[in-house]
């Protein structure tokens, strides 16, 4: 509910603005926020983005760099 109260407070403050330039700036900020809005995507929407070669290269990099066990580091 805190978010809703904050929104109402901002609306009240915007209604008090009498300076056209300031109101235009507020409008610009709101418009810019809509440009960068990103909706949620399912994981399956990423399927097929890489070629087989790219996927193989990533798998090789992980195998070479992340799946190595160095027993001396555990002492």
N, C-alpha and C. Protein backbone atom coordinates (compact mmCIF):
# COMPACT_ATOMS: atom_id res chain seq x y z
N UNK A 1 0.82 -1.21 0.00
CA UNK A 1 0.00 0.00 0.00
C UNK A 1 0.86 1.26 0.00
N UNK A 2 2.09 1.12 0.49
CA UNK A 2 2.98 2.27 0.51
C UNK A 2 3.16 2.85 -0.88
N UNK A 3 3.29 1.99 -1.87
CA UNK A 3 3.47 2.44 -3.25
C UNK A 3 2.28 3.24 -3.75
N UNK A 4 1.09 2.79 -3.41
CA UNK A 4 -0.12 3.50 -3.84
C UNK A 4 -0.21 4.88 -3.20
N UNK A 5 0.15 4.99 -1.94
CA UNK A 5 0.13 6.28 -1.25
C UNK A 5 1.14 7.23 -1.88
N UNK A 6 2.29 6.70 -2.25
CA UNK A 6 3.32 7.52 -2.88
C UNK A 6 2.84 8.03 -4.23
N UNK A 7 2.16 7.17 -4.99
CA UNK A 7 1.62 7.58 -6.29
C UNK A 7 0.61 8.70 -6.13
N UNK A 8 -0.27 8.55 -5.15
CA UNK A 8 -1.28 9.59 -4.91
C UNK A 8 -0.62 10.91 -4.52
N UNK A 9 0.42 10.83 -3.72
CA UNK A 9 1.14 12.04 -3.32
C UNK A 9 1.75 12.72 -4.54
N UNK A 10 2.36 11.92 -5.44
CA UNK A 10 2.96 12.49 -6.64
C UNK A 10 1.90 13.13 -7.54
N UNK A 11 0.75 12.49 -7.64
CA UNK A 11 -0.34 13.07 -8.45
C UNK A 11 -0.77 14.41 -7.87
N UNK A 12 -0.88 14.47 -6.55
CA UNK A 12 -1.25 15.73 -5.90
C UNK A 12 -0.22 16.82 -6.20
N UNK A 13 1.06 16.46 -6.15
CA UNK A 13 2.11 17.44 -6.42
C UNK A 13 2.08 17.87 -7.89
N UNK A 14 1.82 16.97 -8.79
CA UNK A 14 1.75 17.31 -10.22
C UNK A 14 0.58 18.26 -10.47
N UNK A 15 -0.51 18.05 -9.79
CA UNK A 15 -1.68 18.93 -9.97
C UNK A 15 -1.39 20.36 -9.52
N UNK A 16 -0.43 20.54 -8.64
CA UNK A 16 -0.07 21.88 -8.15
C UNK A 16 0.87 22.63 -9.09
N UNK A 17 1.47 21.93 -10.06
CA UNK A 17 2.44 22.56 -10.95
C UNK A 17 1.75 23.56 -11.86
N UNK A 18 2.27 24.79 -11.86
CA UNK A 18 1.72 25.83 -12.72
C UNK A 18 2.71 26.25 -13.80
N UNK A 19 3.96 25.86 -13.66
CA UNK A 19 5.00 26.19 -14.63
C UNK A 19 4.94 25.21 -15.80
N UNK A 20 4.69 25.71 -17.00
CA UNK A 20 4.55 24.86 -18.18
C UNK A 20 5.83 24.08 -18.49
N UNK A 21 6.98 24.72 -18.29
CA UNK A 21 8.25 24.06 -18.57
C UNK A 21 8.47 22.89 -17.61
N UNK A 22 8.15 23.08 -16.35
CA UNK A 22 8.31 22.02 -15.36
C UNK A 22 7.34 20.87 -15.66
N UNK A 23 6.13 21.22 -16.05
CA UNK A 23 5.15 20.20 -16.39
C UNK A 23 5.62 19.40 -17.62
N UNK A 24 6.23 20.09 -18.57
CA UNK A 24 6.77 19.42 -19.75
C UNK A 24 7.89 18.45 -19.37
N UNK A 25 8.71 18.83 -18.40
CA UNK A 25 9.78 17.94 -17.94
C UNK A 25 9.22 16.69 -17.28
N UNK A 26 8.19 16.87 -16.47
CA UNK A 26 7.53 15.73 -15.84
C UNK A 26 6.96 14.80 -16.91
N UNK A 27 6.35 15.39 -17.91
CA UNK A 27 5.78 14.61 -19.01
C UNK A 27 6.88 13.83 -19.75
N UNK A 28 8.04 14.45 -19.94
CA UNK A 28 9.16 13.80 -20.60
C UNK A 28 9.66 12.61 -19.79
N UNK A 29 9.77 12.79 -18.49
CA UNK A 29 10.22 11.69 -17.62
C UNK A 29 9.25 10.52 -17.72
N UNK A 30 7.96 10.79 -17.70
CA UNK A 30 6.97 9.72 -17.79
C UNK A 30 7.06 9.03 -19.15
N UNK A 31 7.22 9.80 -20.21
CA UNK A 31 7.32 9.22 -21.55
C UNK A 31 8.56 8.34 -21.67
N UNK A 32 9.69 8.79 -21.11
CA UNK A 32 10.92 8.00 -21.17
C UNK A 32 10.78 6.69 -20.39
N UNK A 33 10.05 6.73 -19.30
CA UNK A 33 9.89 5.52 -18.50
C UNK A 33 9.11 4.46 -19.27
N UNK A 34 8.24 4.88 -20.15
CA UNK A 34 7.47 3.93 -20.96
C UNK A 34 8.33 3.30 -22.04
N UNK A 35 9.35 4.01 -22.51
CA UNK A 35 10.21 3.49 -23.56
C UNK A 35 11.05 2.32 -23.08
N UNK A 36 11.40 2.32 -21.79
CA UNK A 36 12.31 1.31 -21.26
C UNK A 36 11.59 0.22 -20.49
N UNK A 37 10.28 0.22 -20.55
CA UNK A 37 9.55 -0.82 -19.84
C UNK A 37 9.77 -2.16 -20.53
N UNK A 38 10.10 -3.15 -19.73
CA UNK A 38 10.35 -4.48 -20.26
C UNK A 38 9.42 -5.45 -19.55
N UNK A 39 8.66 -6.16 -20.33
CA UNK A 39 7.76 -7.14 -19.74
C UNK A 39 8.49 -8.43 -19.42
N UNK A 40 7.84 -9.25 -18.66
CA UNK A 40 8.43 -10.54 -18.31
C UNK A 40 8.37 -11.46 -19.52
N UNK A 41 9.42 -12.24 -19.70
CA UNK A 41 9.48 -13.20 -20.80
C UNK A 41 9.69 -14.58 -20.22
N UNK A 42 9.12 -15.55 -20.88
CA UNK A 42 9.33 -16.92 -20.42
C UNK A 42 10.72 -17.38 -20.85
N UNK A 43 11.23 -18.33 -20.15
CA UNK A 43 12.56 -18.84 -20.45
C UNK A 43 12.61 -19.43 -21.86
N UNK A 44 11.53 -20.02 -22.28
CA UNK A 44 11.51 -20.64 -23.61
C UNK A 44 11.60 -19.62 -24.74
N UNK A 45 11.32 -18.37 -24.46
CA UNK A 45 11.43 -17.35 -25.50
C UNK A 45 12.88 -17.11 -25.91
N UNK A 46 13.83 -17.59 -25.10
CA UNK A 46 15.25 -17.45 -25.43
C UNK A 46 15.78 -18.62 -26.25
N UNK A 47 14.98 -19.64 -26.41
CA UNK A 47 15.42 -20.83 -27.15
C UNK A 47 15.74 -20.46 -28.59
N UNK A 48 16.82 -21.02 -29.08
CA UNK A 48 17.19 -20.80 -30.47
C UNK A 48 17.93 -19.51 -30.75
N UNK A 49 18.32 -18.78 -29.72
CA UNK A 49 19.00 -17.50 -29.92
C UNK A 49 20.46 -17.71 -30.32
N UNK A 50 21.05 -18.82 -29.88
CA UNK A 50 22.44 -19.10 -30.19
C UNK A 50 22.52 -20.17 -31.27
N UNK A 51 23.55 -20.10 -32.04
CA UNK A 51 23.81 -21.18 -32.99
C UNK A 51 24.36 -22.37 -32.21
N UNK A 52 24.40 -23.52 -32.85
CA UNK A 52 24.97 -24.71 -32.20
C UNK A 52 26.42 -24.47 -31.84
N UNK A 53 27.14 -23.78 -32.72
CA UNK A 53 28.55 -23.50 -32.47
C UNK A 53 28.73 -22.61 -31.24
N UNK A 54 27.88 -21.60 -31.10
CA UNK A 54 27.97 -20.71 -29.94
C UNK A 54 27.66 -21.46 -28.65
N UNK A 55 26.64 -22.31 -28.69
CA UNK A 55 26.28 -23.09 -27.51
C UNK A 55 27.40 -24.06 -27.14
N UNK A 56 28.00 -24.70 -28.16
CA UNK A 56 29.11 -25.62 -27.90
C UNK A 56 30.30 -24.89 -27.29
N UNK A 57 30.57 -23.69 -27.79
CA UNK A 57 31.70 -22.90 -27.27
C UNK A 57 31.46 -22.53 -25.81
N UNK A 58 30.24 -22.13 -25.47
CA UNK A 58 29.93 -21.79 -24.09
C UNK A 58 30.05 -23.02 -23.19
N UNK A 59 29.55 -24.14 -23.67
CA UNK A 59 29.63 -25.37 -22.88
C UNK A 59 31.10 -25.76 -22.64
N UNK A 60 31.93 -25.60 -23.67
CA UNK A 60 33.36 -25.89 -23.53
C UNK A 60 34.02 -24.96 -22.52
N UNK A 61 33.69 -23.68 -22.59
CA UNK A 61 34.25 -22.70 -21.66
C UNK A 61 33.87 -23.03 -20.23
N UNK A 62 32.63 -23.42 -20.01
CA UNK A 62 32.18 -23.79 -18.67
C UNK A 62 32.93 -25.03 -18.19
N UNK A 63 33.04 -26.01 -19.07
CA UNK A 63 33.73 -27.25 -18.70
C UNK A 63 35.19 -26.98 -18.36
N UNK A 64 35.84 -26.10 -19.10
CA UNK A 64 37.25 -25.82 -18.87
C UNK A 64 37.48 -24.95 -17.64
N UNK A 65 36.60 -24.03 -17.37
CA UNK A 65 36.85 -23.06 -16.32
C UNK A 65 36.11 -23.28 -15.02
N UNK A 66 34.95 -23.90 -15.10
CA UNK A 66 34.12 -23.99 -13.89
C UNK A 66 34.05 -25.38 -13.29
N UNK A 67 34.32 -26.38 -14.07
CA UNK A 67 34.15 -27.73 -13.57
C UNK A 67 35.47 -28.38 -13.18
N UNK A 68 36.45 -27.58 -12.87
CA UNK A 68 37.76 -28.09 -12.47
C UNK A 68 37.83 -28.16 -10.95
N UNK A 69 38.30 -29.27 -10.47
CA UNK A 69 38.46 -29.44 -9.02
C UNK A 69 39.95 -29.43 -8.72
N UNK A 70 40.35 -28.54 -7.84
CA UNK A 70 41.73 -28.44 -7.42
C UNK A 70 41.78 -28.86 -5.94
N UNK A 71 42.13 -30.11 -5.68
CA UNK A 71 42.10 -30.63 -4.30
C UNK A 71 42.90 -29.81 -3.31
N UNK A 72 43.99 -29.18 -3.76
CA UNK A 72 44.81 -28.41 -2.83
C UNK A 72 44.11 -27.15 -2.34
N UNK A 73 43.13 -26.66 -3.07
CA UNK A 73 42.41 -25.46 -2.66
C UNK A 73 41.41 -25.73 -1.54
N UNK A 74 41.17 -26.99 -1.26
CA UNK A 74 40.20 -27.35 -0.22
C UNK A 74 40.86 -27.60 1.13
N UNK A 75 42.15 -27.42 1.21
CA UNK A 75 42.86 -27.70 2.47
C UNK A 75 42.90 -26.48 3.34
